C-alpha atoms as a PDB file:
ATOM      1  CA  MET A   1      14.820  55.077  29.185  1.00  0.00           C
ATOM      2  CA  SER A   2      17.072  52.040  28.694  1.00  0.00           C
ATOM      3  CA  PHE A   3      16.324  49.126  26.371  1.00  0.00           C
ATOM      4  CA  PRO A   4      17.624  45.562  26.345  1.00  0.00           C
ATOM      5  CA  THR A   5      20.584  44.884  24.065  1.00  0.00           C
ATOM      6  CA  ASP A   6      20.026  41.113  24.042  1.00  0.00           C
ATOM      7  CA  ARG A   7      16.869  40.444  22.042  1.00  0.00           C
ATOM      8  CA  PRO A   8      16.141  36.714  21.592  1.00  0.00           C
ATOM      9  CA  ARG A   9      12.864  37.680  19.925  1.00  0.00           C
ATOM     10  CA  ARG A  10      14.791  38.583  16.768  1.00  0.00           C
ATOM     11  CA  LEU A  11      15.134  34.852  16.117  1.00  0.00           C
ATOM     12  CA  ARG A  12      11.360  34.331  16.314  1.00  0.00           C
ATOM     13  CA  SER A  13      10.358  37.133  13.995  1.00  0.00           C
ATOM     14  CA  SER A  14       9.023  35.105  11.036  1.00  0.00           C
ATOM     15  CA  PRO A  15       8.243  31.546   9.991  1.00  0.00           C
ATOM     16  CA  ALA A  16      11.385  31.499   7.839  1.00  0.00           C
ATOM     17  CA  MET A  17      13.549  32.638  10.750  1.00  0.00           C
ATOM     18  CA  ARG A  18      11.995  30.077  13.098  1.00  0.00           C
ATOM     19  CA  ARG A  19      12.629  27.309  10.579  1.00  0.00           C
ATOM     20  CA  LEU A  20      16.238  28.397  10.183  1.00  0.00           C
ATOM     21  CA  VAL A  21      17.073  28.261  13.893  1.00  0.00           C
ATOM     22  CA  ALA A  22      14.868  25.336  14.921  1.00  0.00           C
ATOM     23  CA  GLU A  23      16.857  23.065  17.245  1.00  0.00           C
ATOM     24  CA  THR A  24      14.692  19.967  16.831  1.00  0.00           C
ATOM     25  CA  HIS A  25      13.419  18.457  13.600  1.00  0.00           C
ATOM     26  CA  VAL A  26      10.960  15.688  12.819  1.00  0.00           C
ATOM     27  CA  GLN A  27      11.373  13.635   9.663  1.00  0.00           C
ATOM     28  CA  PRO A  28       9.077  10.859   8.392  1.00  0.00           C
ATOM     29  CA  SER A  29      12.009   8.429   8.587  1.00  0.00           C
ATOM     30  CA  GLN A  30      12.063   8.899  12.381  1.00  0.00           C
ATOM     31  CA  LEU A  31       8.445   7.752  12.740  1.00  0.00           C
ATOM     32  CA  VAL A  32       7.157   4.202  13.158  1.00  0.00           C
ATOM     33  CA  LEU A  33       3.478   3.339  12.718  1.00  0.00           C
ATOM     34  CA  PRO A  34       2.025   0.737  15.125  1.00  0.00           C
ATOM     35  CA  MET A  35      -0.614  -1.405  13.387  1.00  0.00           C
ATOM     36  CA  PHE A  36      -3.141  -4.009  14.494  1.00  0.00           C
ATOM     37  CA  VAL A  37      -3.899  -6.874  12.110  1.00  0.00           C
ATOM     38  CA  ALA A  38      -6.868  -9.093  12.985  1.00  0.00           C
ATOM     39  CA  GLU A  39      -7.209 -12.742  12.036  1.00  0.00           C
ATOM     40  CA  GLY A  40     -10.251 -13.662   9.962  1.00  0.00           C
ATOM     41  CA  ARG A  41     -11.496 -10.106   9.594  1.00  0.00           C
ATOM     42  CA  THR A  42     -12.882  -9.120   6.178  1.00  0.00           C
ATOM     43  CA  GLU A  43     -13.556  -5.464   7.002  1.00  0.00           C
ATOM     44  CA  VAL A  44     -11.568  -2.969   9.010  1.00  0.00           C
ATOM     45  CA  ARG A  45     -12.943  -2.225  12.464  1.00  0.00           C
ATOM     46  CA  ALA A  46     -12.673   1.222  14.019  1.00  0.00           C
ATOM     47  CA  ILE A  47     -11.328   1.399  17.572  1.00  0.00           C
ATOM     48  CA  SER A  48     -13.748   3.654  19.433  1.00  0.00           C
ATOM     49  CA  SER A  49     -11.261   4.946  22.021  1.00  0.00           C
ATOM     50  CA  MET A  50      -8.601   5.633  19.371  1.00  0.00           C
ATOM     51  CA  PRO A  51     -10.198   7.788  16.656  1.00  0.00           C
ATOM     52  CA  GLY A  52      -8.561   7.216  13.294  1.00  0.00           C
ATOM     53  CA  VAL A  53      -6.982   3.887  14.305  1.00  0.00           C
ATOM     54  CA  VAL A  54      -8.380   0.545  13.133  1.00  0.00           C
ATOM     55  CA  GLN A  55      -8.027  -3.179  13.396  1.00  0.00           C
ATOM     56  CA  HIS A  56      -6.812  -4.041   9.908  1.00  0.00           C
ATOM     57  CA  THR A  57      -7.631  -6.913   7.632  1.00  0.00           C
ATOM     58  CA  ARG A  58      -4.640  -8.464   5.910  1.00  0.00           C
ATOM     59  CA  ASP A  59      -5.626  -6.674   2.700  1.00  0.00           C
ATOM     60  CA  SER A  60      -6.080  -3.244   4.288  1.00  0.00           C
ATOM     61  CA  ALA A  61      -2.791  -3.728   6.123  1.00  0.00           C
ATOM     62  CA  ARG A  62      -1.002  -4.349   2.819  1.00  0.00           C
ATOM     63  CA  ARG A  63      -2.279  -1.012   1.544  1.00  0.00           C
ATOM     64  CA  ALA A  64      -1.067   0.668   4.719  1.00  0.00           C
ATOM     65  CA  TYR A  65       2.417  -0.839   4.296  1.00  0.00           C
ATOM     66  CA  ALA A  66       2.616   0.532   0.770  1.00  0.00           C
ATOM     67  CA  GLU A  67       1.449   3.955   1.946  1.00  0.00           C
ATOM     68  CA  ALA A  68       4.100   3.930   4.673  1.00  0.00           C
ATOM     69  CA  VAL A  69       6.774   3.379   2.027  1.00  0.00           C
ATOM     70  CA  GLU A  70       5.381   6.173  -0.125  1.00  0.00           C
ATOM     71  CA  LEU A  71       5.460   8.574   2.837  1.00  0.00           C
ATOM     72  CA  GLY A  72       8.991   7.618   3.817  1.00  0.00           C
ATOM     73  CA  LEU A  73       8.150   6.294   7.272  1.00  0.00           C
ATOM     74  CA  GLY A  74      10.877   4.529   9.197  1.00  0.00           C
ATOM     75  CA  GLY A  75       8.847   1.386   9.804  1.00  0.00           C
ATOM     76  CA  VAL A  76       5.693  -0.324  10.960  1.00  0.00           C
ATOM     77  CA  MET A  77       5.293  -2.156  14.282  1.00  0.00           C
ATOM     78  CA  LEU A  78       2.866  -5.044  13.901  1.00  0.00           C
ATOM     79  CA  PHE A  79       0.547  -6.516  16.512  1.00  0.00           C
ATOM     80  CA  GLY A  80      -1.485  -9.634  15.728  1.00  0.00           C
ATOM     81  CA  LEU A  81      -5.034 -10.242  16.967  1.00  0.00           C
ATOM     82  CA  PRO A  82      -5.836 -13.967  16.902  1.00  0.00           C
ATOM     83  CA  GLU A  83      -9.320 -15.453  16.732  1.00  0.00           C
ATOM     84  CA  ARG A  84      -8.450 -17.986  19.437  1.00  0.00           C
ATOM     85  CA  LYS A  85      -6.322 -17.727  22.562  1.00  0.00           C
ATOM     86  CA  ASP A  86      -4.989 -20.219  25.074  1.00  0.00           C
ATOM     87  CA  ALA A  87      -3.039 -20.238  28.318  1.00  0.00           C
ATOM     88  CA  GLN A  88       0.305 -20.704  26.550  1.00  0.00           C
ATOM     89  CA  GLY A  89      -0.220 -18.106  23.825  1.00  0.00           C
ATOM     90  CA  SER A  90       0.534 -20.787  21.250  1.00  0.00           C
ATOM     91  CA  GLY A  91      -0.726 -18.667  18.357  1.00  0.00           C
ATOM     92  CA  ALA A  92       2.344 -16.484  18.762  1.00  0.00           C
ATOM     93  CA  LEU A  93       4.594 -19.427  17.842  1.00  0.00           C
ATOM     94  CA  ASP A  94       2.532 -20.688  14.914  1.00  0.00           C
ATOM     95  CA  PRO A  95       4.113 -19.743  11.561  1.00  0.00           C
ATOM     96  CA  ASP A  96       0.560 -19.549  10.220  1.00  0.00           C
ATOM     97  CA  GLY A  97      -0.627 -17.398  13.135  1.00  0.00           C
ATOM     98  CA  ILE A  98      -1.897 -13.921  12.363  1.00  0.00           C
ATOM     99  CA  LEU A  99       1.151 -11.961  13.493  1.00  0.00           C
ATOM    100  CA  ASN A 100       3.552 -14.111  11.534  1.00  0.00           C
ATOM    101  CA  VAL A 101       1.509 -14.098   8.330  1.00  0.00           C
ATOM    102  CA  ALA A 102       1.116 -10.324   8.685  1.00  0.00           C
ATOM    103  CA  LEU A 103       4.897 -10.041   8.920  1.00  0.00           C
ATOM    104  CA  ALA A 104       5.238 -12.154   5.778  1.00  0.00           C
ATOM    105  CA  ASP A 105       2.635 -10.009   4.011  1.00  0.00           C
ATOM    106  CA  ALA A 106       4.465  -6.837   4.982  1.00  0.00           C
ATOM    107  CA  ARG A 107       7.848  -8.091   3.869  1.00  0.00           C
ATOM    108  CA  ALA A 108       6.398  -9.295   0.546  1.00  0.00           C
ATOM    109  CA  GLU A 109       4.813  -5.882   0.030  1.00  0.00           C
ATOM    110  CA  VAL A 110       7.735  -3.630   0.966  1.00  0.00           C
ATOM    111  CA  GLY A 111      10.877  -5.762   0.808  1.00  0.00           C
ATOM    112  CA  ASP A 112      13.650  -3.748   2.415  1.00  0.00           C
ATOM    113  CA  ASP A 113      12.122  -0.340   1.603  1.00  0.00           C
ATOM    114  CA  LEU A 114      10.492  -0.160   5.043  1.00  0.00           C
ATOM    115  CA  LEU A 115      11.499  -1.715   8.339  1.00  0.00           C
ATOM    116  CA  VAL A 116       9.054  -4.429   9.334  1.00  0.00           C
ATOM    117  CA  MET A 117       8.956  -4.662  13.123  1.00  0.00           C
ATOM    118  CA  ALA A 118       7.238  -7.254  15.288  1.00  0.00           C
ATOM    119  CA  ASP A 119       5.964  -6.824  18.820  1.00  0.00           C
ATOM    120  CA  LEU A 120       7.351  -9.821  20.671  1.00  0.00           C
ATOM    121  CA  CYS A 121       5.007 -10.601  23.543  1.00  0.00           C
ATOM    122  CA  LEU A 122       2.359 -13.154  24.456  1.00  0.00           C
ATOM    123  CA  ASP A 123      -0.344 -10.872  25.830  1.00  0.00           C
ATOM    124  CA  GLU A 124      -2.426 -10.728  22.633  1.00  0.00           C
ATOM    125  CA  PHE A 125      -2.329 -14.530  22.426  1.00  0.00           C
ATOM    126  CA  THR A 126      -3.020 -15.657  26.024  1.00  0.00           C
ATOM    127  CA  ASP A 127      -6.525 -16.175  27.338  1.00  0.00           C
ATOM    128  CA  HIS A 128      -5.516 -14.536  30.641  1.00  0.00           C
ATOM    129  CA  GLY A 129      -3.992 -11.535  28.860  1.00  0.00           C
ATOM    130  CA  HIS A 130      -0.621 -11.574  30.598  1.00  0.00           C
ATOM    131  CA  CYS A 131       2.704 -11.162  28.834  1.00  0.00           C
ATOM    132  CA  GLY A 132       3.908 -14.583  29.944  1.00  0.00           C
ATOM    133  CA  VAL A 133       2.654 -17.990  30.990  1.00  0.00           C
ATOM    134  CA  LEU A 134       1.336 -18.463  34.512  1.00  0.00           C
ATOM    135  CA  ASP A 135       2.559 -20.841  37.203  1.00  0.00           C
ATOM    136  CA  ASP A 136       0.293 -22.953  39.413  1.00  0.00           C
ATOM    137  CA  ARG A 137      -0.231 -19.970  41.715  1.00  0.00           C
ATOM    138  CA  GLY A 138      -1.369 -17.676  38.915  1.00  0.00           C
ATOM    139  CA  ARG A 139       1.867 -15.669  38.795  1.00  0.00           C
ATOM    140  CA  VAL A 140       3.753 -14.892  35.593  1.00  0.00           C
ATOM    141  CA  ASP A 141       6.542 -17.460  35.298  1.00  0.00           C
ATOM    142  CA  ASN A 142       9.526 -15.440  34.113  1.00  0.00           C
ATOM    143  CA  ASP A 143      11.904 -18.228  33.128  1.00  0.00           C
ATOM    144  CA  THR A 144       9.371 -20.477  31.427  1.00  0.00           C
ATOM    145  CA  THR A 145       8.210 -17.458  29.455  1.00  0.00           C
ATOM    146  CA  LEU A 146      11.759 -16.790  28.272  1.00  0.00           C
ATOM    147  CA  GLY A 147      11.825 -20.084  26.386  1.00  0.00           C
ATOM    148  CA  LEU A 148       8.673 -19.108  24.513  1.00  0.00           C
ATOM    149  CA  TYR A 149      10.059 -15.659  23.723  1.00  0.00           C
ATOM    150  CA  ALA A 150      13.164 -17.257  22.216  1.00  0.00           C
ATOM    151  CA  GLN A 151      11.013 -19.410  19.937  1.00  0.00           C
ATOM    152  CA  MET A 152       8.781 -16.463  19.086  1.00  0.00           C
ATOM    153  CA  GLY A 153      11.754 -14.333  18.058  1.00  0.00           C
ATOM    154  CA  VAL A 154      12.986 -17.003  15.644  1.00  0.00           C
ATOM    155  CA  VAL A 155       9.540 -17.486  14.097  1.00  0.00           C
ATOM    156  CA  GLN A 156       9.160 -13.737  13.641  1.00  0.00           C
ATOM    157  CA  ALA A 157      12.553 -13.446  11.970  1.00  0.00           C
ATOM    158  CA  GLU A 158      11.742 -16.368   9.685  1.00  0.00           C
ATOM    159  CA  SER A 159       8.428 -14.698   8.838  1.00  0.00           C
ATOM    160  CA  GLY A 160      10.240 -11.599   7.635  1.00  0.00           C
ATOM    161  CA  ALA A 161      10.715  -9.237  10.573  1.00  0.00           C
ATOM    162  CA  HIS A 162      13.713  -6.951  10.247  1.00  0.00           C
ATOM    163  CA  VAL A 163      13.285  -5.999  13.901  1.00  0.00           C
ATOM    164  CA  VAL A 164      11.853  -7.920  16.853  1.00  0.00           C
ATOM    165  CA  ALA A 165      10.710  -5.888  19.823  1.00  0.00           C
ATOM    166  CA  PRO A 166      10.370  -7.785  23.118  1.00  0.00           C
ATOM    167  CA  SER A 167       7.868  -5.873  25.229  1.00  0.00           C
ATOM    168  CA  GLY A 168       6.985  -8.263  28.060  1.00  0.00           C
ATOM    169  CA  MET A 169       9.508  -6.924  30.606  1.00  0.00           C
ATOM    170  CA  MET A 170      10.677 -10.395  31.576  1.00  0.00           C
ATOM    171  CA  ASP A 171      14.116 -10.437  33.212  1.00  0.00           C
ATOM    172  CA  GLY A 172      16.657 -11.779  30.728  1.00  0.00           C
ATOM    173  CA  GLN A 173      14.397 -11.602  27.680  1.00  0.00           C
ATOM    174  CA  VAL A 174      16.852  -9.853  25.386  1.00  0.00           C
ATOM    175  CA  GLY A 175      19.674 -12.294  26.091  1.00  0.00           C
ATOM    176  CA  VAL A 176      17.680 -15.435  25.323  1.00  0.00           C
ATOM    177  CA  ILE A 177      16.176 -13.926  22.175  1.00  0.00           C
ATOM    178  CA  ARG A 178      19.584 -12.799  20.908  1.00  0.00           C
ATOM    179  CA  ALA A 179      21.066 -16.237  21.523  1.00  0.00           C
ATOM    180  CA  ALA A 180      18.161 -17.976  19.790  1.00  0.00           C
ATOM    181  CA  LEU A 181      18.287 -15.658  16.779  1.00  0.00           C
ATOM    182  CA  ASP A 182      22.016 -16.109  16.363  1.00  0.00           C
ATOM    183  CA  GLU A 183      21.828 -19.884  16.702  1.00  0.00           C
ATOM    184  CA  ALA A 184      19.110 -19.982  14.022  1.00  0.00           C
ATOM    185  CA  GLY A 185      21.211 -17.928  11.623  1.00  0.00           C
ATOM    186  CA  HIS A 186      19.355 -14.637  12.123  1.00  0.00           C
ATOM    187  CA  ASP A 187      22.340 -12.715  13.423  1.00  0.00           C
ATOM    188  CA  GLU A 188      21.320  -9.647  11.370  1.00  0.00           C
ATOM    189  CA  THR A 189      17.875  -9.403  12.960  1.00  0.00           C
ATOM    190  CA  VAL A 190      17.730  -6.299  15.148  1.00  0.00           C
ATOM    191  CA  ILE A 191      16.376  -6.295  18.705  1.00  0.00           C
ATOM    192  CA  LEU A 192      14.508  -3.172  19.782  1.00  0.00           C
ATOM    193  CA  ALA A 193      14.013  -3.732  23.494  1.00  0.00           C
ATOM    194  CA  TYR A 194      11.085  -2.235  25.354  1.00  0.00           C
ATOM    195  CA  ALA A 195      13.667  -1.590  28.047  1.00  0.00           C
ATOM    196  CA  ALA A 196      11.803   0.877  30.265  1.00  0.00           C
ATOM    197  CA  LYS A 197       8.126   0.020  30.051  1.00  0.00           C
ATOM    198  CA  TYR A 198       5.890   1.282  32.802  1.00  0.00           C
ATOM    199  CA  ALA A 199       2.656  -0.029  34.334  1.00  0.00           C
ATOM    200  CA  SER A 200       0.748   2.969  33.016  1.00  0.00           C
ATOM    201  CA  ALA A 201      -2.871   4.070  33.231  1.00  0.00           C
ATOM    202  CA  PHE A 202      -2.550   5.310  29.654  1.00  0.00           C
ATOM    203  CA  TYR A 203      -2.716   1.841  28.072  1.00  0.00           C
ATOM    204  CA  GLY A 204      -6.505   1.586  28.355  1.00  0.00           C
ATOM    205  CA  PRO A 205      -7.401   2.236  24.707  1.00  0.00           C
ATOM    206  CA  PHE A 206      -4.708  -0.197  23.547  1.00  0.00           C
ATOM    207  CA  ARG A 207      -6.515  -2.966  25.401  1.00  0.00           C
ATOM    208  CA  GLU A 208      -9.606  -2.261  23.337  1.00  0.00           C
ATOM    209  CA  ALA A 209      -7.453  -2.234  20.209  1.00  0.00           C
ATOM    210  CA  VAL A 210      -6.073  -5.732  20.852  1.00  0.00           C
ATOM    211  CA  ASP A 211      -9.253  -7.220  22.379  1.00  0.00           C
ATOM    212  CA  SER A 212      -7.283  -7.781  25.578  1.00  0.00           C
ATOM    213  CA  SER A 213      -8.227 -10.642  27.903  1.00  0.00           C
ATOM    214  CA  LEU A 214      -6.198  -9.228  30.797  1.00  0.00           C
ATOM    215  CA  GLN A 215      -7.105 -10.464  34.247  1.00  0.00           C
ATOM    216  CA  GLY A 216      -5.580  -8.401  37.021  1.00  0.00           C
ATOM    217  CA  ASP A 217      -2.678  -6.064  36.236  1.00  0.00           C
ATOM    218  CA  ARG A 218       0.954  -6.121  35.153  1.00  0.00           C
ATOM    219  CA  LYS A 219       2.505  -4.303  38.093  1.00  0.00           C
ATOM    220  CA  THR A 220       4.758  -7.214  39.071  1.00  0.00           C
ATOM    221  CA  TYR A 221       6.712  -7.042  35.798  1.00  0.00           C
ATOM    222  CA  GLN A 222       6.185  -3.607  34.264  1.00  0.00           C
ATOM    223  CA  GLN A 223       7.922  -0.736  36.039  1.00  0.00           C
ATOM    224  CA  ASP A 224       6.499   1.413  38.813  1.00  0.00           C
ATOM    225  CA  PRO A 225       5.805   4.960  37.536  1.00  0.00           C
ATOM    226  CA  ALA A 226       7.454   6.321  40.693  1.00  0.00           C
ATOM    227  CA  ASN A 227      10.871   4.942  39.733  1.00  0.00           C
ATOM    228  CA  GLY A 228      13.293   6.659  37.392  1.00  0.00           C
ATOM    229  CA  ARG A 229      16.743   5.344  38.301  1.00  0.00           C
ATOM    230  CA  GLU A 230      15.426   1.829  37.849  1.00  0.00           C
ATOM    231  CA  ALA A 231      14.816   2.608  34.167  1.00  0.00           C
ATOM    232  CA  ILE A 232      18.513   3.176  33.590  1.00  0.00           C
ATOM    233  CA  ARG A 233      19.314  -0.136  35.241  1.00  0.00           C
ATOM    234  CA  GLU A 234      16.809  -1.927  32.999  1.00  0.00           C
ATOM    235  CA  VAL A 235      18.136  -0.225  29.876  1.00  0.00           C
ATOM    236  CA  LEU A 236      21.777  -1.024  30.645  1.00  0.00           C
ATOM    237  CA  LEU A 237      20.925  -4.661  31.346  1.00  0.00           C
ATOM    238  CA  ASP A 238      19.168  -4.952  27.981  1.00  0.00           C
ATOM    239  CA  ILE A 239      22.126  -3.436  26.149  1.00  0.00           C
ATOM    240  CA  GLU A 240      24.486  -5.801  27.956  1.00  0.00           C
ATOM    241  CA  GLU A 241      22.306  -8.703  26.793  1.00  0.00           C
ATOM    242  CA  GLY A 242      22.489  -7.588  23.165  1.00  0.00           C
ATOM    243  CA  ALA A 243      19.777  -4.995  22.509  1.00  0.00           C
ATOM    244  CA  ASP A 244      20.543  -2.918  19.411  1.00  0.00           C
ATOM    245  CA  MET A 245      18.017  -0.214  20.300  1.00  0.00           C
ATOM    246  CA  VAL A 246      16.069   0.571  23.457  1.00  0.00           C
ATOM    247  CA  MET A 247      12.626   2.013  24.065  1.00  0.00           C
ATOM    248  CA  VAL A 248      10.888   4.070  26.721  1.00  0.00           C
ATOM    249  CA  LYS A 249       7.124   3.514  26.987  1.00  0.00           C
ATOM    250  CA  PRO A 250       4.971   5.561  27.479  1.00  0.00           C
ATOM    251  CA  ALA A 251       6.517   8.723  26.062  1.00  0.00           C
ATOM    252  CA  LEU A 252       4.585  11.796  27.141  1.00  0.00           C
ATOM    253  CA  SER A 253       4.567  11.203  30.901  1.00  0.00           C
ATOM    254  CA  TYR A 254       8.172   9.978  30.789  1.00  0.00           C
ATOM    255  CA  LEU A 255       9.984  12.685  28.823  1.00  0.00           C
ATOM    256  CA  ASP A 256      12.446  13.023  31.688  1.00  0.00           C
ATOM    257  CA  LEU A 257      13.355   9.351  31.352  1.00  0.00           C
ATOM    258  CA  ILE A 258      13.782   9.622  27.590  1.00  0.00           C
ATOM    259  CA  ALA A 259      16.324  12.363  28.289  1.00  0.00           C
ATOM    260  CA  ASP A 260      18.001  10.328  31.037  1.00  0.00           C
ATOM    261  CA  VAL A 261      18.247   7.237  28.839  1.00  0.00           C
ATOM    262  CA  ARG A 262      19.557   9.272  25.893  1.00  0.00           C
ATOM    263  CA  ALA A 263      22.313  10.651  28.154  1.00  0.00           C
ATOM    264  CA  ALA A 264      23.207   7.199  29.503  1.00  0.00           C
ATOM    265  CA  VAL A 265      23.550   5.140  26.306  1.00  0.00           C
ATOM    266  CA  ASP A 266      25.079   5.311  22.851  1.00  0.00           C
ATOM    267  CA  VAL A 267      22.530   3.146  21.032  1.00  0.00           C
ATOM    268  CA  PRO A 268      19.408   4.522  19.299  1.00  0.00           C
ATOM    269  CA  VAL A 269      16.588   5.419  21.684  1.00  0.00           C
ATOM    270  CA  ALA A 270      12.924   4.998  20.760  1.00  0.00           C
ATOM    271  CA  ALA A 271       9.823   6.207  22.565  1.00  0.00           C
ATOM    272  CA  TYR A 272       6.231   5.056  22.165  1.00  0.00           C
ATOM    273  CA  ASN A 273       3.536   7.737  21.958  1.00  0.00           C
ATOM    274  CA  ILE A 274       0.824   5.455  23.268  1.00  0.00           C
ATOM    275  CA  SER A 275      -2.912   4.972  22.926  1.00  0.00           C
ATOM    276  CA  GLY A 276      -4.008   6.978  25.950  1.00  0.00           C
ATOM    277  CA  GLU A 277      -1.925   9.920  24.828  1.00  0.00           C
ATOM    278  CA  LEU A 278      -3.693   9.828  21.481  1.00  0.00           C
ATOM    279  CA  ALA A 279      -7.104   9.446  23.116  1.00  0.00           C
ATOM    280  CA  MET A 280      -6.656  12.526  25.319  1.00  0.00           C
ATOM    281  CA  VAL A 281      -5.776  14.736  22.362  1.00  0.00           C
ATOM    282  CA  GLU A 282      -8.547  13.383  20.162  1.00  0.00           C
ATOM    283  CA  ALA A 283     -11.165  13.797  22.912  1.00  0.00           C
ATOM    284  CA  ALA A 284     -10.090  17.351  23.713  1.00  0.00           C
ATOM    285  CA  ALA A 285     -10.004  18.279  20.037  1.00  0.00           C
ATOM    286  CA  ALA A 286     -13.463  16.777  19.461  1.00  0.00           C
ATOM    287  CA  ASN A 287     -14.757  19.110  22.162  1.00  0.00           C
ATOM    288  CA  GLY A 288     -13.079  22.107  20.561  1.00  0.00           C
ATOM    289  CA  TRP A 289     -10.745  22.609  23.507  1.00  0.00           C
ATOM    290  CA  ILE A 290      -7.425  22.437  21.646  1.00  0.00           C
ATOM    291  CA  ASP A 291      -6.008  22.850  18.155  1.00  0.00           C
ATOM    292  CA  ARG A 292      -5.647  19.199  17.205  1.00  0.00           C
ATOM    293  CA  GLU A 293      -2.894  19.411  14.565  1.00  0.00           C
ATOM    294  CA  ARG A 294      -0.764  21.807  16.587  1.00  0.00           C
ATOM    295  CA  ALA A 295      -1.116  19.613  19.665  1.00  0.00           C
ATOM    296  CA  ILE A 296      -0.050  16.506  17.744  1.00  0.00           C
ATOM    297  CA  ASP A 297       2.963  18.239  16.234  1.00  0.00           C
ATOM    298  CA  GLU A 298       3.962  19.679  19.607  1.00  0.00           C
ATOM    299  CA  ILE A 299       3.817  16.256  21.258  1.00  0.00           C
ATOM    300  CA  ILE A 300       5.945  14.619  18.587  1.00  0.00           C
ATOM    301  CA  VAL A 301       8.558  17.372  18.650  1.00  0.00           C
ATOM    302  CA  SER A 302       8.660  17.226  22.462  1.00  0.00           C
ATOM    303  CA  ILE A 303       9.473  13.509  22.319  1.00  0.00           C
ATOM    304  CA  ARG A 304      12.221  14.188  19.795  1.00  0.00           C
ATOM    305  CA  ARG A 305      13.501  17.143  21.853  1.00  0.00           C
ATOM    306  CA  ALA A 306      13.714  14.929  24.928  1.00  0.00           C
ATOM    307  CA  GLY A 307      16.140  12.716  23.026  1.00  0.00           C
ATOM    308  CA  ALA A 308      14.204  10.031  21.156  1.00  0.00           C
ATOM    309  CA  ASP A 309      15.765   9.103  17.835  1.00  0.00           C
ATOM    310  CA  VAL A 310      12.665   7.109  16.862  1.00  0.00           C
ATOM    311  CA  VAL A 311       9.027   7.829  17.730  1.00  0.00           C
ATOM    312  CA  LEU A 312       6.341   5.168  17.543  1.00  0.00           C
ATOM    313  CA  THR A 313       3.061   6.981  17.043  1.00  0.00           C
ATOM    314  CA  TYR A 314      -0.394   6.211  15.682  1.00  0.00           C
ATOM    315  CA  TRP A 315      -0.244   9.636  14.031  1.00  0.00           C
ATOM    316  CA  ALA A 316       2.813   8.668  11.952  1.00  0.00           C
ATOM    317  CA  THR A 317       0.992   8.665   8.604  1.00  0.00           C
ATOM    318  CA  GLU A 318      -0.766  11.952   9.302  1.00  0.00           C
ATOM    319  CA  VAL A 319       2.365  13.697  10.546  1.00  0.00           C
ATOM    320  CA  ALA A 320       4.435  12.439   7.599  1.00  0.00           C
ATOM    321  CA  THR A 321       1.785  13.650   5.174  1.00  0.00           C
ATOM    322  CA  ARG A 322       1.856  17.084   6.795  1.00  0.00           C
ATOM    323  CA  LEU A 323       5.647  17.191   6.714  1.00  0.00           C
ATOM    324  CA  ARG A 324       5.703  16.398   3.007  1.00  0.00           C
ATOM    325  CA  ALA A 325       3.333  19.272   2.314  1.00  0.00           C
ATOM    326  CA  GLN A 326       5.544  21.837   4.029  1.00  0.00           C
END
């Protein structure tokens, strides 16, 4: 009877051996925590479709920033939830608007010990819920929106953002934001471009989280899930316009594109582990169908294995806590 001479199982024989030969590692510094900060709220509000995630008050957000520093997270990505919206999304440009004061709060709390990142988009601030202003036919007006994005980037930098993250998928958005930042003296402010952002079905819980007013859909400006090569084109255009980092969103259904983007560029690549991906795991775990912690860890390592240098995830605090205990 013959036996195999090549035995890969030797390298799986114990936890210590598996740790030694692990090809992919997750560190707290590679994780970014997305956070929602609500204007006028005095108590945190749970988001029903995203167990464990809340709409923060300014005070509860400050505590979360401090915790993120303590855990060694890479950063926080802030989203502002205004009390009032209008067609132009004017609250996004107001230095006293909720996103900008939350950025100032975060920077005052953490200084340079944690990267303070700002989502740069109008959708939370418009009464129609789109990522840009509308023309007289109800279509998103790309070029008019660009002017507002440029102003928004400057206000966010002046409010304390280390990183601005344009997510609206307007053509040319990175270039106008970079030019505006540089002209205003914010040449050190980093742009993390949502370069390949898809019109995904997995955003549903996020819309509850931000009290979305969306009318219709975003298929005319976010990418078609059927297209992969187009993602590389979008990413390369953003880098040409001045993006310092690029992002693929969502992550879990687009692991192939994370790998493709990683192979195509030499800038840091981020991926966003989004709300619907969280909701699926939490729902299955609540029914006893999967091991929740193992599933979370497997998802995060899969995103890293695909090539993401940075992972935005609502589980960032939990995962970092678990990593510290190992």
